PDB file of N, CA and C in Angstrom:
ATOM      1  N   MET A   1       0.824  -1.193   0.000  1.00  0.00           N
ATOM      2  CA  MET A   1       0.000   0.000   0.000  1.00  0.00           C
ATOM      3  C   MET A   1       0.866   1.253   0.000  1.00  0.00           C
ATOM      4  N   GLU A   2       1.958   1.223   0.714  1.00  0.00           N
ATOM      5  CA  GLU A   2       2.867   2.367   0.797  1.00  0.00           C
ATOM      6  C   GLU A   2       3.394   2.744  -0.584  1.00  0.00           C
ATOM      7  N   ARG A   3       3.729   1.748  -1.390  1.00  0.00           N
ATOM      8  CA  ARG A   3       4.275   2.007  -2.722  1.00  0.00           C
ATOM      9  C   ARG A   3       3.236   2.695  -3.610  1.00  0.00           C
ATOM     10  N   GLY A   4       1.988   2.299  -3.520  1.00  0.00           N
ATOM     11  CA  GLY A   4       0.921   2.908  -4.307  1.00  0.00           C
ATOM     12  C   GLY A   4       0.750   4.374  -3.981  1.00  0.00           C
ATOM     13  N   ASN A   5       0.838   4.709  -2.698  1.00  0.00           N
ATOM     14  CA  ASN A   5       0.730   6.111  -2.285  1.00  0.00           C
ATOM     15  C   ASN A   5       1.893   6.936  -2.826  1.00  0.00           C
ATOM     16  N   LYS A   6       3.083   6.381  -2.796  1.00  0.00           N
ATOM     17  CA  LYS A   6       4.271   7.076  -3.303  1.00  0.00           C
ATOM     18  C   LYS A   6       4.129   7.331  -4.801  1.00  0.00           C
ATOM     19  N   GLU A   7       3.656   6.337  -5.540  1.00  0.00           N
ATOM     20  CA  GLU A   7       3.472   6.497  -6.985  1.00  0.00           C
ATOM     21  C   GLU A   7       2.435   7.573  -7.279  1.00  0.00           C
ATOM     22  N   ARG A   8       1.355   7.577  -6.500  1.00  0.00           N
ATOM     23  CA  ARG A   8       0.312   8.595  -6.673  1.00  0.00           C
ATOM     24  C   ARG A   8       0.866   9.990  -6.389  1.00  0.00           C
ATOM     25  N   GLU A   9       1.660  10.106  -5.337  1.00  0.00           N
ATOM     26  CA  GLU A   9       2.275  11.396  -5.002  1.00  0.00           C
ATOM     27  C   GLU A   9       3.215  11.861  -6.110  1.00  0.00           C
ATOM     28  N   ASP A  10       3.978  10.932  -6.680  1.00  0.00           N
ATOM     29  CA  ASP A  10       4.889  11.275  -7.774  1.00  0.00           C
ATOM     30  C   ASP A  10       4.118  11.772  -8.994  1.00  0.00           C
ATOM     31  N   ILE A  11       3.005  11.124  -9.300  1.00  0.00           N
ATOM     32  CA  ILE A  11       2.171  11.534 -10.431  1.00  0.00           C
ATOM     33  C   ILE A  11       1.600  12.919 -10.185  1.00  0.00           C
ATOM     34  N   MET A  12       1.099  13.152  -8.969  1.00  0.00           N
ATOM     35  CA  MET A  12       0.525  14.459  -8.644  1.00  0.00           C
ATOM     36  C   MET A  12       1.587  15.555  -8.709  1.00  0.00           C
ATOM     37  N   THR A  13       2.791  15.258  -8.231  1.00  0.00           N
ATOM     38  CA  THR A  13       3.879  16.226  -8.274  1.00  0.00           C
ATOM     39  C   THR A  13       4.224  16.565  -9.718  1.00  0.00           C
ATOM     40  N   LYS A  14       4.278  15.550 -10.574  1.00  0.00           N
ATOM     41  CA  LYS A  14       4.575  15.769 -11.989  1.00  0.00           C
ATOM     42  C   LYS A  14       3.486  16.612 -12.636  1.00  0.00           C
ATOM     43  N   GLN A  15       2.230  16.301 -12.347  1.00  0.00           N
ATOM     44  CA  GLN A  15       1.119  17.052 -12.932  1.00  0.00           C
ATOM     45  C   GLN A  15       1.115  18.499 -12.451  1.00  0.00           C
ATOM     46  N   LYS A  16       1.446  18.716 -11.195  1.00  0.00           N
ATOM     47  CA  LYS A  16       1.535  20.088 -10.673  1.00  0.00           C
ATOM     48  C   LYS A  16       2.654  20.853 -11.373  1.00  0.00           C
ATOM     49  N   ALA A  17       3.778  20.202 -11.589  1.00  0.00           N
ATOM     50  CA  ALA A  17       4.899  20.850 -12.271  1.00  0.00           C
ATOM     51  C   ALA A  17       4.517  21.220 -13.704  1.00  0.00           C
ATOM     52  N   ILE A  18       3.809  20.329 -14.378  1.00  0.00           N
ATOM     53  CA  ILE A  18       3.362  20.607 -15.745  1.00  0.00           C
ATOM     54  C   ILE A  18       2.367  21.757 -15.741  1.00  0.00           C
ATOM     55  N   ALA A  19       1.423  21.733 -14.804  1.00  0.00           N
ATOM     56  CA  ALA A  19       0.425  22.807 -14.710  1.00  0.00           C
ATOM     57  C   ALA A  19       1.100  24.150 -14.464  1.00  0.00           C
ATOM     58  N   LEU A  20       2.065  24.177 -13.569  1.00  0.00           N
ATOM     59  CA  LEU A  20       2.782  25.425 -13.286  1.00  0.00           C
ATOM     60  C   LEU A  20       3.585  25.902 -14.492  1.00  0.00           C
ATOM     61  N   SER A  21       4.169  24.971 -15.234  1.00  0.00           N
ATOM     62  CA  SER A  21       4.928  25.380 -16.421  1.00  0.00           C
ATOM     63  C   SER A  21       3.996  25.947 -17.487  1.00  0.00           C
ATOM     64  N   ILE A  22       2.799  25.386 -17.611  1.00  0.00           N
ATOM     65  CA  ILE A  22       1.805  25.918 -18.548  1.00  0.00           C
ATOM     66  C   ILE A  22       1.425  27.335 -18.139  1.00  0.00           C
ATOM     67  N   LEU A  23       1.107  27.514 -16.869  1.00  0.00           N
ATOM     68  CA  LEU A  23       0.705  28.840 -16.386  1.00  0.00           C
ATOM     69  C   LEU A  23       1.822  29.867 -16.534  1.00  0.00           C
ATOM     70  N   GLU A  24       3.027  29.472 -16.196  1.00  0.00           N
ATOM     71  CA  GLU A  24       4.154  30.398 -16.299  1.00  0.00           C
ATOM     72  C   GLU A  24       4.390  30.804 -17.751  1.00  0.00           C
ATOM     73  N   THR A  25       4.331  29.845 -18.656  1.00  0.00           N
ATOM     74  CA  THR A  25       4.510  30.134 -20.078  1.00  0.00           C
ATOM     75  C   THR A  25       3.437  31.081 -20.584  1.00  0.00           C
ATOM     76  N   LEU A  26       2.194  30.821 -20.200  1.00  0.00           N
ATOM     77  CA  LEU A  26       1.090  31.661 -20.661  1.00  0.00           C
ATOM     78  C   LEU A  26       1.166  33.073 -20.102  1.00  0.00           C
ATOM     79  N   THR A  27       1.497  33.197 -18.828  1.00  0.00           N
ATOM     80  CA  THR A  27       1.534  34.535 -18.225  1.00  0.00           C
ATOM     81  C   THR A  27       2.707  35.358 -18.746  1.00  0.00           C
ATOM     82  N   GLU A  28       3.762  34.699 -19.206  1.00  0.00           N
ATOM     83  CA  GLU A  28       4.916  35.410 -19.752  1.00  0.00           C
ATOM     84  C   GLU A  28       4.817  35.622 -21.261  1.00  0.00           C
ATOM     85  N   SER A  29       3.819  35.023 -21.896  1.00  0.00           N
ATOM     86  CA  SER A  29       3.658  35.111 -23.346  1.00  0.00           C
ATOM     87  C   SER A  29       3.358  36.540 -23.777  1.00  0.00           C
ATOM     88  N   LYS A  30       4.092  37.012 -24.750  1.00  0.00           N
ATOM     89  CA  LYS A  30       3.878  38.367 -25.267  1.00  0.00           C
ATOM     90  C   LYS A  30       2.649  38.435 -26.171  1.00  0.00           C
ATOM     91  N   THR A  31       2.177  37.288 -26.653  1.00  0.00           N
ATOM     92  CA  THR A  31       1.001  37.254 -27.532  1.00  0.00           C
ATOM     93  C   THR A  31      -0.292  37.102 -26.746  1.00  0.00           C
ATOM     94  N   GLY A  32      -0.198  36.904 -25.443  1.00  0.00           N
ATOM     95  CA  GLY A  32      -1.389  36.785 -24.610  1.00  0.00           C
ATOM     96  C   GLY A  32      -1.926  35.380 -24.477  1.00  0.00           C
ATOM     97  N   GLY A  33      -1.386  34.448 -25.215  1.00  0.00           N
ATOM     98  CA  GLY A  33      -1.845  33.071 -25.132  1.00  0.00           C
ATOM     99  C   GLY A  33      -1.052  32.196 -26.083  1.00  0.00           C
ATOM    100  N   MET A  34      -1.548  30.972 -26.280  1.00  0.00           N
ATOM    101  CA  MET A  34      -0.827  30.023 -27.113  1.00  0.00           C
ATOM    102  C   MET A  34      -1.767  28.903 -27.545  1.00  0.00           C
ATOM    103  N   PRO A  35      -1.590  28.381 -28.756  1.00  0.00           N
ATOM    104  CA  PRO A  35      -2.391  27.229 -29.160  1.00  0.00           C
ATOM    105  C   PRO A  35      -2.084  26.015 -28.267  1.00  0.00           C
ATOM    106  N   ALA A  36      -3.126  25.307 -27.885  1.00  0.00           N
ATOM    107  CA  ALA A  36      -2.954  24.138 -27.016  1.00  0.00           C
ATOM    108  C   ALA A  36      -2.041  23.101 -27.662  1.00  0.00           C
ATOM    109  N   GLY A  37      -2.142  22.941 -28.962  1.00  0.00           N
ATOM    110  CA  GLY A  37      -1.306  21.962 -29.664  1.00  0.00           C
ATOM    111  C   GLY A  37       0.171  22.272 -29.569  1.00  0.00           C
ATOM    112  N   HIS A  38       0.517  23.545 -29.586  1.00  0.00           N
ATOM    113  CA  HIS A  38       1.924  23.939 -29.456  1.00  0.00           C
ATOM    114  C   HIS A  38       2.435  23.616 -28.058  1.00  0.00           C
ATOM    115  N   MET A  39       1.585  23.865 -27.056  1.00  0.00           N
ATOM    116  CA  MET A  39       1.992  23.542 -25.681  1.00  0.00           C
ATOM    117  C   MET A  39       2.160  22.041 -25.516  1.00  0.00           C
ATOM    118  N   PHE A  40       1.213  21.272 -26.067  1.00  0.00           N
ATOM    119  CA  PHE A  40       1.325  19.821 -25.949  1.00  0.00           C
ATOM    120  C   PHE A  40       2.590  19.324 -26.636  1.00  0.00           C
ATOM    121  N   ALA A  41       2.892  19.865 -27.810  1.00  0.00           N
ATOM    122  CA  ALA A  41       4.100  19.442 -28.529  1.00  0.00           C
ATOM    123  C   ALA A  41       5.348  19.676 -27.680  1.00  0.00           C
ATOM    124  N   ALA A  42       5.374  20.781 -26.952  1.00  0.00           N
ATOM    125  CA  ALA A  42       6.526  21.079 -26.094  1.00  0.00           C
ATOM    126  C   ALA A  42       6.589  20.160 -24.879  1.00  0.00           C
ATOM    127  N   LEU A  43       5.434  19.665 -24.448  1.00  0.00           N
ATOM    128  CA  LEU A  43       5.372  18.855 -23.223  1.00  0.00           C
ATOM    129  C   LEU A  43       5.226  17.356 -23.476  1.00  0.00           C
ATOM    130  N   MET A  44       5.134  16.943 -24.729  1.00  0.00           N
ATOM    131  CA  MET A  44       4.808  15.546 -25.002  1.00  0.00           C
ATOM    132  C   MET A  44       5.852  14.546 -24.499  1.00  0.00           C
ATOM    133  N   SER A  45       7.060  14.983 -24.233  1.00  0.00           N
ATOM    134  CA  SER A  45       8.044  14.058 -23.660  1.00  0.00           C
ATOM    135  C   SER A  45       7.829  13.885 -22.151  1.00  0.00           C
ATOM    136  N   PHE A  46       6.940  14.702 -21.568  1.00  0.00           N
ATOM    137  CA  PHE A  46       6.661  14.632 -20.134  1.00  0.00           C
ATOM    138  C   PHE A  46       5.291  14.046 -19.811  1.00  0.00           C
ATOM    139  N   CYS A  47       4.356  14.118 -20.776  1.00  0.00           N
ATOM    140  CA  CYS A  47       3.014  13.601 -20.509  1.00  0.00           C
ATOM    141  C   CYS A  47       2.330  13.212 -21.813  1.00  0.00           C
ATOM    142  N   GLY A  48       1.342  12.354 -21.695  1.00  0.00           N
ATOM    143  CA  GLY A  48       0.557  11.949 -22.848  1.00  0.00           C
ATOM    144  C   GLY A  48      -0.540  12.959 -23.146  1.00  0.00           C
ATOM    145  N   HIS A  49      -1.202  12.757 -24.269  1.00  0.00           N
ATOM    146  CA  HIS A  49      -2.243  13.692 -24.698  1.00  0.00           C
ATOM    147  C   HIS A  49      -3.403  13.742 -23.709  1.00  0.00           C
ATOM    148  N   MET A  50      -3.839  12.588 -23.218  1.00  0.00           N
ATOM    149  CA  MET A  50      -4.951  12.565 -22.257  1.00  0.00           C
ATOM    150  C   MET A  50      -4.568  13.267 -20.961  1.00  0.00           C
ATOM    151  N   GLU A  51      -3.356  13.042 -20.498  1.00  0.00           N
ATOM    152  CA  GLU A  51      -2.902  13.686 -19.263  1.00  0.00           C
ATOM    153  C   GLU A  51      -2.809  15.203 -19.462  1.00  0.00           C
ATOM    154  N   PHE A  52      -2.291  15.631 -20.610  1.00  0.00           N
ATOM    155  CA  PHE A  52      -2.212  17.062 -20.911  1.00  0.00           C
ATOM    156  C   PHE A  52      -3.607  17.684 -20.912  1.00  0.00           C
ATOM    157  N   ASN A  53      -4.551  17.033 -21.589  1.00  0.00           N
ATOM    158  CA  ASN A  53      -5.922  17.556 -21.634  1.00  0.00           C
ATOM    159  C   ASN A  53      -6.546  17.605 -20.246  1.00  0.00           C
ATOM    160  N   SER A  54      -6.247  16.616 -19.426  1.00  0.00           N
ATOM    161  CA  SER A  54      -6.760  16.582 -18.056  1.00  0.00           C
ATOM    162  C   SER A  54      -6.213  17.758 -17.240  1.00  0.00           C
ATOM    163  N   ILE A  55      -4.934  18.029 -17.379  1.00  0.00           N
ATOM    164  CA  ILE A  55      -4.306  19.144 -16.662  1.00  0.00           C
ATOM    165  C   ILE A  55      -4.888  20.464 -17.143  1.00  0.00           C
ATOM    166  N   LEU A  56      -5.035  20.608 -18.455  1.00  0.00           N
ATOM    167  CA  LEU A  56      -5.592  21.837 -19.023  1.00  0.00           C
ATOM    168  C   LEU A  56      -7.031  22.040 -18.566  1.00  0.00           C
ATOM    169  N   SER A  57      -7.803  20.962 -18.513  1.00  0.00           N
ATOM    170  CA  SER A  57      -9.190  21.048 -18.032  1.00  0.00           C
ATOM    171  C   SER A  57      -9.242  21.460 -16.568  1.00  0.00           C
ATOM    172  N   ALA A  58      -8.328  20.926 -15.764  1.00  0.00           N
ATOM    173  CA  ALA A  58      -8.285  21.290 -14.345  1.00  0.00           C
ATOM    174  C   ALA A  58      -7.948  22.772 -14.185  1.00  0.00           C
ATOM    175  N   LEU A  59      -7.032  23.268 -14.995  1.00  0.00           N
ATOM    176  CA  LEU A  59      -6.692  24.697 -14.943  1.00  0.00           C
ATOM    177  C   LEU A  59      -7.880  25.556 -15.368  1.00  0.00           C
ATOM    178  N   GLU A  60      -8.621  25.072 -16.350  1.00  0.00           N
ATOM    179  CA  GLU A  60      -9.801  25.810 -16.808  1.00  0.00           C
ATOM    180  C   GLU A  60     -10.890  25.807 -15.733  1.00  0.00           C
ATOM    181  N   ARG A  61     -11.137  24.653 -15.119  1.00  0.00           N
ATOM    182  CA  ARG A  61     -12.132  24.568 -14.041  1.00  0.00           C
ATOM    183  C   ARG A  61     -11.736  25.435 -12.854  1.00  0.00           C
ATOM    184  N   GLY A  62     -10.449  25.564 -12.618  1.00  0.00           N
ATOM    185  CA  GLY A  62      -9.954  26.381 -11.514  1.00  0.00           C
ATOM    186  C   GLY A  62      -9.952  27.869 -11.821  1.00  0.00           C
ATOM    187  N   GLY A  63     -10.364  28.221 -13.018  1.00  0.00           N
ATOM    188  CA  GLY A  63     -10.431  29.629 -13.386  1.00  0.00           C
ATOM    189  C   GLY A  63      -9.081  30.257 -13.688  1.00  0.00           C
ATOM    190  N   LEU A  64      -8.096  29.430 -14.016  1.00  0.00           N
ATOM    191  CA  LEU A  64      -6.754  29.944 -14.277  1.00  0.00           C
ATOM    192  C   LEU A  64      -6.467  30.146 -15.762  1.00  0.00           C
ATOM    193  N   VAL A  65      -7.184  29.427 -16.622  1.00  0.00           N
ATOM    194  CA  VAL A  65      -7.032  29.602 -18.069  1.00  0.00           C
ATOM    195  C   VAL A  65      -8.398  29.583 -18.728  1.00  0.00           C
ATOM    196  N   GLN A  66      -8.439  30.149 -19.926  1.00  0.00           N
ATOM    197  CA  GLN A  66      -9.618  30.053 -20.777  1.00  0.00           C
ATOM    198  C   GLN A  66      -9.176  29.377 -22.060  1.00  0.00           C
ATOM    199  N   VAL A  67     -10.012  28.458 -22.553  1.00  0.00           N
ATOM    200  CA  VAL A  67      -9.710  27.763 -23.798  1.00  0.00           C
ATOM    201  C   VAL A  67     -10.834  28.054 -24.777  1.00  0.00           C
ATOM    202  N   SER A  68     -10.462  28.600 -25.922  1.00  0.00           N
ATOM    203  CA  SER A  68     -11.431  28.902 -26.966  1.00  0.00           C
ATOM    204  C   SER A  68     -10.821  28.521 -28.310  1.00  0.00           C
ATOM    205  N   ASN A  69     -11.475  27.605 -29.015  1.00  0.00           N
ATOM    206  CA  ASN A  69     -10.961  27.131 -30.311  1.00  0.00           C
ATOM    207  C   ASN A  69      -9.518  26.638 -30.204  1.00  0.00           C
ATOM    208  N   HIS A  70      -9.232  25.902 -29.152  1.00  0.00           N
ATOM    209  CA  HIS A  70      -7.914  25.313 -28.887  1.00  0.00           C
ATOM    210  C   HIS A  70      -6.831  26.360 -28.627  1.00  0.00           C
ATOM    211  N   TYR A  71      -7.234  27.606 -28.358  1.00  0.00           N
ATOM    212  CA  TYR A  71      -6.282  28.663 -28.009  1.00  0.00           C
ATOM    213  C   TYR A  71      -6.427  28.933 -26.517  1.00  0.00           C
ATOM    214  N   VAL A  72      -5.328  28.865 -25.798  1.00  0.00           N
ATOM    215  CA  VAL A  72      -5.347  28.959 -24.337  1.00  0.00           C
ATOM    216  C   VAL A  72      -4.795  30.314 -23.899  1.00  0.00           C
ATOM    217  N   THR A  73      -5.553  30.996 -23.059  1.00  0.00           N
ATOM    218  CA  THR A  73      -5.111  32.280 -22.512  1.00  0.00           C
ATOM    219  C   THR A  73      -5.197  32.235 -20.988  1.00  0.00           C
ATOM    220  N   PRO A  74      -4.276  32.910 -20.310  1.00  0.00           N
ATOM    221  CA  PRO A  74      -4.343  32.959 -18.849  1.00  0.00           C
ATOM    222  C   PRO A  74      -5.417  33.953 -18.412  1.00  0.00           C
ATOM    223  N   THR A  75      -6.022  33.691 -17.295  1.00  0.00           N
ATOM    224  CA  THR A  75      -7.004  34.621 -16.737  1.00  0.00           C
ATOM    225  C   THR A  75      -6.285  35.613 -15.828  1.00  0.00           C
ATOM    226  N   ASP A  76      -7.022  36.608 -15.394  1.00  0.00           N
ATOM    227  CA  ASP A  76      -6.449  37.569 -14.442  1.00  0.00           C
ATOM    228  C   ASP A  76      -6.027  36.869 -13.155  1.00  0.00           C
ATOM    229  N   LYS A  77      -6.761  35.832 -12.785  1.00  0.00           N
ATOM    230  CA  LYS A  77      -6.433  35.056 -11.579  1.00  0.00           C
ATOM    231  C   LYS A  77      -5.039  34.430 -11.717  1.00  0.00           C
ATOM    232  N   ALA A  78      -4.730  33.881 -12.884  1.00  0.00           N
ATOM    233  CA  ALA A  78      -3.414  33.273 -13.115  1.00  0.00           C
ATOM    234  C   ALA A  78      -2.321  34.334 -13.108  1.00  0.00           C
ATOM    235  N   ARG A  79      -2.595  35.455 -13.751  1.00  0.00           N
ATOM    236  CA  ARG A  79      -1.602  36.538 -13.783  1.00  0.00           C
ATOM    237  C   ARG A  79      -1.308  37.047 -12.371  1.00  0.00           C
ATOM    238  N   ALA A  80      -2.358  37.187 -11.568  1.00  0.00           N
ATOM    239  CA  ALA A  80      -2.190  37.655 -10.188  1.00  0.00           C
ATOM    240  C   ALA A  80      -1.354  36.670  -9.378  1.00  0.00           C
ATOM    241  N   LEU A  81      -1.540  35.392  -9.621  1.00  0.00           N
ATOM    242  CA  LEU A  81      -0.780  34.358  -8.921  1.00  0.00           C
ATOM    243  C   LEU A  81       0.716  34.534  -9.173  1.00  0.00           C
ATOM    244  N   PHE A  82       1.087  34.810 -10.414  1.00  0.00           N
ATOM    245  CA  PHE A  82       2.505  34.945 -10.736  1.00  0.00           C
ATOM    246  C   PHE A  82       3.062  36.305 -10.352  1.00  0.00           C
ATOM    247  N   VAL A  83       2.231  37.328 -10.297  1.00  0.00           N
ATOM    248  CA  VAL A  83       2.681  38.637  -9.810  1.00  0.00           C
ATOM    249  C   VAL A  83       3.027  38.527  -8.333  1.00  0.00           C
ATOM    250  N   LYS A  84       2.167  37.842  -7.564  1.00  0.00           N
ATOM    251  CA  LYS A  84       2.431  37.648  -6.134  1.00  0.00           C
ATOM    252  C   LYS A  84       3.710  36.854  -5.932  1.00  0.00           C
ATOM    253  N   GLU A  85       3.897  35.812  -6.752  1.00  0.00           N
ATOM    254  CA  GLU A  85       5.077  34.966  -6.626  1.00  0.00           C
ATOM    255  C   GLU A  85       6.344  35.761  -6.931  1.00  0.00           C
ATOM    256  N   ALA A  86       6.303  36.622  -7.936  1.00  0.00           N
ATOM    257  CA  ALA A  86       7.474  37.415  -8.317  1.00  0.00           C
ATOM    258  C   ALA A  86       7.804  38.467  -7.259  1.00  0.00           C
ATOM    259  N   ALA A  87       6.789  38.951  -6.558  1.00  0.00           N
ATOM    260  CA  ALA A  87       6.998  39.983  -5.541  1.00  0.00           C
ATOM    261  C   ALA A  87       7.656  39.434  -4.282  1.00  0.00           C
ATOM    262  N   GLN A  88       7.564  38.143  -4.065  1.00  0.00           N
ATOM    263  CA  GLN A  88       8.106  37.560  -2.826  1.00  0.00           C
ATOM    264  C   GLN A  88       9.583  37.333  -2.902  1.00  0.00           C
TER     265      GLN A  88
END
């Protein structure tokens, strides 16, 4: 049972790292957003397509990104998160 918990924690840590990299990339983007396919192409060595879509959906449900026609933009909530982080 202990091993299963460790594996789950490792997966969650990886997914959090991917989510944070998506948010950081989007908030620093000079174009205001990025096509989801381009982000997946950059991350495909770290996660599969279903996992990427799951992470993106979680970010959207959390109000951190908006997805329209496969184009992903950060929300003000996401931008505020990184402004606070940079100020510390």
